[in-house]
Amino acid sequence: MTEASGGAADNGEDDEVEPVELLVRLAEEGEIEPWDIDVVDVTDAFLERLDAADLRTSGRALFYASVLLRMKSEALLEPDEEDEPDPEPWEDGWAEEPPDEFGPDPVAALEDEMDRRLDRKGARGTPETLDELVRELREAERDSWWKESRTYDTSGSPKGFQRGTQTLDYRSGDDLRVDDEPTEADVTGTAHGEDIEAIIADVQRVLRKQYDAGRDEVLYAEIDTAGGSRVETFLAVLFLSHRGHVRLQQDELFGDLWVQNPNTESASTEAIAD
């Protein structure tokens, strides 16, 4: 009896989605090309696998999904212009006069050129391999722990609720948590597959009520408990976005998240622009 129970527990742990493992699995199955990734394709494949699989979804997987969505939106907004090939070092000429009669140091020139090209590649900001993508996702995950309190004003929100200046707190542990905030275990915990459809329906019902009242978009902070916890609500919003029932708008990474009605004229215009 003890062995059976232990086996069930192990199976439950094995079914939990870990984001990096899922990305590697997609590469192994040929869903994505690990050496020449397309952020848009990776994001769609990642969300589709989360949506289709009967697995428990970890808080880390949801965070990775949100960062991938941001990367996808940035990739879609980039102009369709091909980068001009980097000129070879001898085509640029030397920025300074040779230091002495023997001419420039070829080793130093090569090192300078390598540094310049690496800086240019980093400035482009779009990962090109699976390894680079995983590094960026992990870097974003580390940076998120340092997010400080942010204040925003929703006084001008038409027909909304919770108006006025509000504050969001991003805390790294339970020691500073107030009573109505989820614990660290809640954030890194799981949402069970048998309940997720009901959570999605609850969140969609709350959003539909706001849209029917005349609002084109709703601040996520206003409905973050519609699905029970903030994590469960965020998961439901991701699925609604993937299914085309809502559009997500975020002006900056880790900034305020707006949940938009895709049937409005403004949302349709943005979709055409994308």
Protein backbone atom coordinates (compact mmCIF):
# COMPACT_ATOMS: atom_id res chain seq x y z
CA MET A 1 0.00 0.00 0.00
CA THR A 2 2.82 2.34 0.86
CA GLU A 3 4.61 1.61 -2.41
CA ALA A 4 1.46 2.29 -4.43
CA SER A 5 0.96 5.61 -2.71
CA GLY A 6 4.57 6.56 -3.25
CA GLY A 7 4.31 5.63 -6.92
CA ALA A 8 1.25 7.80 -7.35
CA ALA A 9 3.06 10.71 -5.76
CA ASP A 10 6.02 10.21 -8.04
CA ASN A 11 3.75 10.15 -11.09
CA GLY A 12 2.16 13.40 -9.97
CA GLU A 13 5.54 15.02 -9.68
CA ASP A 14 6.58 13.67 -13.08
CA ASP A 15 3.46 15.18 -14.67
CA GLU A 16 4.33 18.70 -13.55
CA VAL A 17 5.39 20.93 -16.41
CA GLU A 18 8.90 22.36 -16.15
CA PRO A 19 9.42 25.04 -18.82
CA VAL A 20 13.00 24.27 -19.84
CA GLU A 21 12.28 20.55 -20.06
CA LEU A 22 9.23 21.32 -22.22
CA LEU A 23 11.29 23.48 -24.59
CA VAL A 24 13.90 20.73 -24.92
CA ARG A 25 11.14 18.20 -25.57
CA LEU A 26 9.72 20.39 -28.34
CA ALA A 27 13.17 20.54 -29.93
CA GLU A 28 13.65 16.77 -29.67
CA GLU A 29 10.27 16.16 -31.30
CA GLY A 30 11.07 18.51 -34.17
CA GLU A 31 8.46 21.12 -33.20
CA ILE A 32 11.13 23.83 -33.02
CA GLU A 33 14.57 24.18 -34.57
CA PRO A 34 17.08 24.49 -31.67
CA TRP A 35 19.83 26.09 -33.76
CA ASP A 36 17.67 28.62 -35.60
CA ILE A 37 14.60 29.33 -33.49
CA ASP A 38 11.66 31.55 -34.38
CA VAL A 39 10.28 33.21 -31.24
CA VAL A 40 6.76 33.31 -32.71
CA ASP A 41 6.78 29.58 -33.52
CA VAL A 42 8.32 28.69 -30.16
CA THR A 43 5.69 30.68 -28.27
CA ASP A 44 2.81 29.10 -30.21
CA ALA A 45 4.19 25.59 -29.74
CA PHE A 46 4.83 26.19 -26.02
CA LEU A 47 1.30 27.50 -25.36
CA GLU A 48 -0.30 24.81 -27.52
CA ARG A 49 1.47 22.10 -25.55
CA LEU A 50 0.37 23.64 -22.24
CA ASP A 51 -3.19 23.93 -23.57
CA ALA A 52 -3.44 20.42 -25.01
CA ALA A 53 -1.55 18.31 -22.47
CA ASP A 54 -3.33 16.94 -19.42
CA LEU A 55 -0.51 18.04 -17.15
CA ARG A 56 -0.08 20.11 -14.05
CA THR A 57 1.25 23.55 -14.91
CA SER A 58 3.89 25.01 -12.60
CA GLY A 59 4.15 28.68 -11.74
CA ARG A 60 7.52 28.80 -13.53
CA ALA A 61 5.92 27.49 -16.74
CA LEU A 62 3.33 30.26 -16.57
CA PHE A 63 6.04 32.88 -16.06
CA TYR A 64 8.03 31.56 -19.01
CA ALA A 65 4.84 31.63 -21.10
CA SER A 66 4.30 35.30 -20.24
CA VAL A 67 7.89 36.21 -21.21
CA LEU A 68 7.56 34.25 -24.47
CA LEU A 69 4.35 36.13 -25.27
CA ARG A 70 6.21 39.40 -24.76
CA MET A 71 9.05 38.23 -27.03
CA LYS A 72 6.50 37.18 -29.65
CA SER A 73 4.82 40.59 -29.62
CA GLU A 74 8.19 42.32 -30.01
CA ALA A 75 9.12 40.02 -32.90
CA LEU A 76 5.81 40.71 -34.67
CA LEU A 77 6.27 44.47 -34.27
CA GLU A 78 9.78 44.48 -35.70
CA PRO A 79 10.02 45.87 -39.28
CA ASP A 80 10.52 43.27 -41.98
CA GLU A 81 13.92 44.59 -42.93
CA GLU A 82 16.87 42.31 -43.37
CA ASP A 83 19.99 43.28 -41.49
CA GLU A 84 22.77 44.46 -43.71
CA PRO A 85 25.74 42.11 -43.56
CA ASP A 86 28.47 43.21 -41.22
CA PRO A 87 31.38 44.68 -43.17
CA GLU A 88 34.65 42.88 -42.93
CA PRO A 89 37.32 44.58 -40.79
CA TRP A 90 39.40 45.57 -43.82
CA GLU A 91 36.34 47.23 -45.46
CA ASP A 92 35.81 49.66 -42.57
CA GLY A 93 39.35 50.94 -42.56
CA TRP A 94 41.16 51.85 -39.38
CA ALA A 95 39.58 54.30 -36.98
CA GLU A 96 42.96 55.67 -35.94
CA GLU A 97 46.36 56.12 -37.49
CA PRO A 98 48.76 53.21 -37.09
CA PRO A 99 50.54 53.45 -33.75
CA ASP A 100 53.96 53.11 -35.34
CA GLU A 101 55.77 52.48 -38.55
CA PHE A 102 54.94 48.79 -38.47
CA GLY A 103 51.20 49.42 -38.93
CA PRO A 104 48.23 48.34 -36.80
CA ASP A 105 48.33 45.31 -34.57
CA PRO A 106 46.27 42.63 -36.42
CA VAL A 107 45.53 40.70 -33.21
CA ALA A 108 44.17 43.76 -31.42
CA ALA A 109 42.12 44.67 -34.50
CA LEU A 110 40.60 41.18 -34.61
CA GLU A 111 39.70 41.31 -30.92
CA ASP A 112 38.07 44.73 -31.36
CA GLU A 113 36.05 43.45 -34.31
CA MET A 114 34.86 40.37 -32.38
CA ASP A 115 33.78 42.54 -29.45
CA ARG A 116 31.93 44.92 -31.80
CA ARG A 117 30.01 42.09 -33.47
CA LEU A 118 29.11 40.49 -30.17
CA ASP A 119 27.83 43.86 -28.93
CA ARG A 120 25.71 44.26 -32.08
CA LYS A 121 24.26 40.78 -31.70
CA GLY A 122 23.36 41.46 -28.07
CA ALA A 123 21.76 44.78 -29.02
CA ARG A 124 19.41 43.06 -31.47
CA GLY A 125 17.81 41.30 -28.50
CA THR A 126 16.31 38.34 -30.38
CA PRO A 127 17.67 34.92 -29.38
CA GLU A 128 18.73 32.78 -32.33
CA THR A 129 19.29 29.40 -30.65
CA LEU A 130 17.46 27.41 -27.97
CA ASP A 131 20.41 27.88 -25.62
CA GLU A 132 20.23 31.68 -26.00
CA LEU A 133 16.45 31.61 -25.47
CA VAL A 134 16.75 29.58 -22.25
CA ARG A 135 19.43 31.96 -20.95
CA GLU A 136 17.19 34.99 -21.62
CA LEU A 137 14.21 33.34 -19.96
CA ARG A 138 16.24 32.46 -16.87
CA GLU A 139 17.65 36.00 -16.77
CA ALA A 140 14.11 37.43 -16.89
CA GLU A 141 13.13 35.04 -14.10
CA ARG A 142 16.00 36.25 -11.93
CA ASP A 143 15.23 39.89 -12.67
CA SER A 144 11.59 39.45 -11.69
CA TRP A 145 12.53 38.85 -8.06
CA TRP A 146 13.97 42.37 -7.88
CA LYS A 147 10.80 44.06 -9.08
CA GLU A 148 9.79 46.81 -6.64
CA SER A 149 6.38 48.22 -5.80
CA ARG A 150 4.69 50.07 -8.65
CA THR A 151 1.91 52.65 -8.43
CA TYR A 152 -0.64 53.31 -11.15
CA ASP A 153 -3.75 55.45 -11.45
CA THR A 154 -7.01 54.10 -12.90
CA SER A 155 -9.13 57.13 -12.09
CA GLY A 156 -9.82 57.71 -15.77
CA SER A 157 -10.97 54.17 -16.44
CA PRO A 158 -14.50 54.35 -17.93
CA LYS A 159 -17.15 52.48 -16.00
CA GLY A 160 -14.47 50.58 -14.09
CA PHE A 161 -14.12 49.74 -10.45
CA GLN A 162 -11.32 50.01 -7.87
CA ARG A 163 -10.62 53.53 -9.18
CA GLY A 164 -7.88 55.79 -7.91
CA THR A 165 -4.20 55.26 -7.19
CA GLN A 166 -3.30 51.63 -6.49
CA THR A 167 -0.07 49.83 -5.67
CA LEU A 168 1.20 46.42 -6.70
CA ASP A 169 3.84 44.77 -4.51
CA TYR A 170 6.35 42.27 -5.91
CA ARG A 171 7.83 40.37 -2.97
CA SER A 172 10.32 37.53 -2.90
CA GLY A 173 9.14 35.60 0.15
CA ASP A 174 6.43 34.99 2.70
CA ASP A 175 8.09 37.14 5.38
CA LEU A 176 6.71 40.37 3.84
CA ARG A 177 3.41 38.89 2.60
CA VAL A 178 0.15 40.45 3.77
CA ASP A 179 -2.82 38.29 4.71
CA ASP A 180 -4.66 38.38 1.37
CA GLU A 181 -1.59 37.60 -0.78
CA PRO A 182 -0.77 34.07 -1.97
CA THR A 183 2.07 32.27 -0.26
CA GLU A 184 5.29 31.32 -2.03
CA ALA A 185 3.94 27.76 -2.26
CA ASP A 186 0.80 29.07 -3.98
CA VAL A 187 2.84 30.95 -6.56
CA THR A 188 5.11 28.02 -7.36
CA GLY A 189 2.33 25.47 -6.95
CA THR A 190 0.06 23.95 -9.56
CA ALA A 191 -3.36 24.29 -11.12
CA HIS A 192 -5.06 20.93 -11.68
CA GLY A 193 -6.29 20.03 -15.15
CA GLU A 194 -9.76 19.04 -14.02
CA ASP A 195 -10.40 22.56 -12.65
CA ILE A 196 -8.78 24.75 -15.29
CA GLU A 197 -11.73 24.86 -17.70
CA ALA A 198 -14.01 26.01 -14.88
CA ILE A 199 -11.46 28.70 -13.94
CA ILE A 200 -11.22 29.85 -17.55
CA ALA A 201 -15.03 30.09 -17.73
CA ASP A 202 -15.14 32.14 -14.50
CA VAL A 203 -12.52 34.60 -15.75
CA GLN A 204 -14.17 34.90 -19.15
CA ARG A 205 -17.52 35.62 -17.47
CA VAL A 206 -16.01 38.48 -15.44
CA LEU A 207 -14.32 39.93 -18.51
CA ARG A 208 -17.49 39.63 -20.60
CA LYS A 209 -19.40 41.57 -17.96
CA GLN A 210 -16.87 44.41 -18.21
CA TYR A 211 -16.91 44.37 -22.03
CA ASP A 212 -20.70 44.37 -22.11
CA ALA A 213 -20.64 47.41 -19.83
CA GLY A 214 -18.79 49.33 -22.53
CA ARG A 215 -15.14 48.81 -21.68
CA ASP A 216 -12.69 47.89 -24.43
CA GLU A 217 -9.95 46.77 -22.06
CA VAL A 218 -9.57 45.79 -18.43
CA LEU A 219 -6.47 46.10 -16.26
CA TYR A 220 -5.37 42.64 -15.14
CA ALA A 221 -5.01 43.85 -11.54
CA GLU A 222 -8.78 44.52 -11.51
CA ILE A 223 -9.69 40.88 -12.21
CA ASP A 224 -6.65 39.07 -10.73
CA THR A 225 -8.81 37.09 -8.27
CA ALA A 226 -11.59 36.18 -10.72
CA GLY A 227 -10.18 32.67 -11.08
CA GLY A 228 -9.52 32.16 -7.38
CA SER A 229 -5.84 33.00 -6.99
CA ARG A 230 -3.69 35.37 -9.03
CA VAL A 231 -1.77 32.47 -10.55
CA GLU A 232 -4.94 30.64 -11.63
CA THR A 233 -6.41 33.84 -13.09
CA PHE A 234 -3.23 34.54 -15.02
CA LEU A 235 -3.23 30.99 -16.39
CA ALA A 236 -6.83 31.44 -17.53
CA VAL A 237 -6.01 34.74 -19.24
CA LEU A 238 -3.12 33.07 -21.11
CA PHE A 239 -5.42 30.34 -22.38
CA LEU A 240 -8.10 32.87 -23.37
CA SER A 241 -5.49 34.80 -25.32
CA HIS A 242 -4.19 31.66 -27.03
CA ARG A 243 -7.76 30.73 -28.04
CA GLY A 244 -8.42 34.20 -29.46
CA HIS A 245 -11.03 35.26 -26.87
CA VAL A 246 -8.95 38.20 -25.58
CA ARG A 247 -5.93 40.25 -26.63
CA LEU A 248 -3.12 41.09 -24.20
CA GLN A 249 -1.40 44.49 -24.30
CA GLN A 250 1.72 45.31 -22.30
CA ASP A 251 3.82 48.38 -23.08
CA GLU A 252 6.94 47.18 -21.27
CA LEU A 253 8.25 43.95 -19.81
CA PHE A 254 6.75 43.43 -16.33
CA GLY A 255 4.57 46.50 -16.92
CA ASP A 256 0.81 46.80 -16.46
CA LEU A 257 -1.10 44.12 -18.36
CA TRP A 258 -4.31 45.08 -20.18
CA VAL A 259 -6.83 42.42 -21.23
CA GLN A 260 -8.56 43.69 -24.36
CA ASN A 261 -11.78 42.73 -26.12
CA PRO A 262 -10.63 41.40 -29.53
CA ASN A 263 -13.95 42.34 -31.14
CA THR A 264 -13.53 46.08 -30.64
CA GLU A 265 -12.43 48.37 -33.44
CA SER A 266 -9.19 49.37 -31.69
CA ALA A 267 -8.17 45.76 -31.09
CA SER A 268 -8.97 44.85 -34.69
CA THR A 269 -6.81 47.73 -35.93
CA GLU A 270 -3.90 46.58 -33.77
CA ALA A 271 -4.30 43.02 -35.04
CA ILE A 272 -4.07 44.22 -38.66
CA ALA A 273 -1.00 46.29 -37.79
CA ASP A 274 0.65 43.22 -36.24
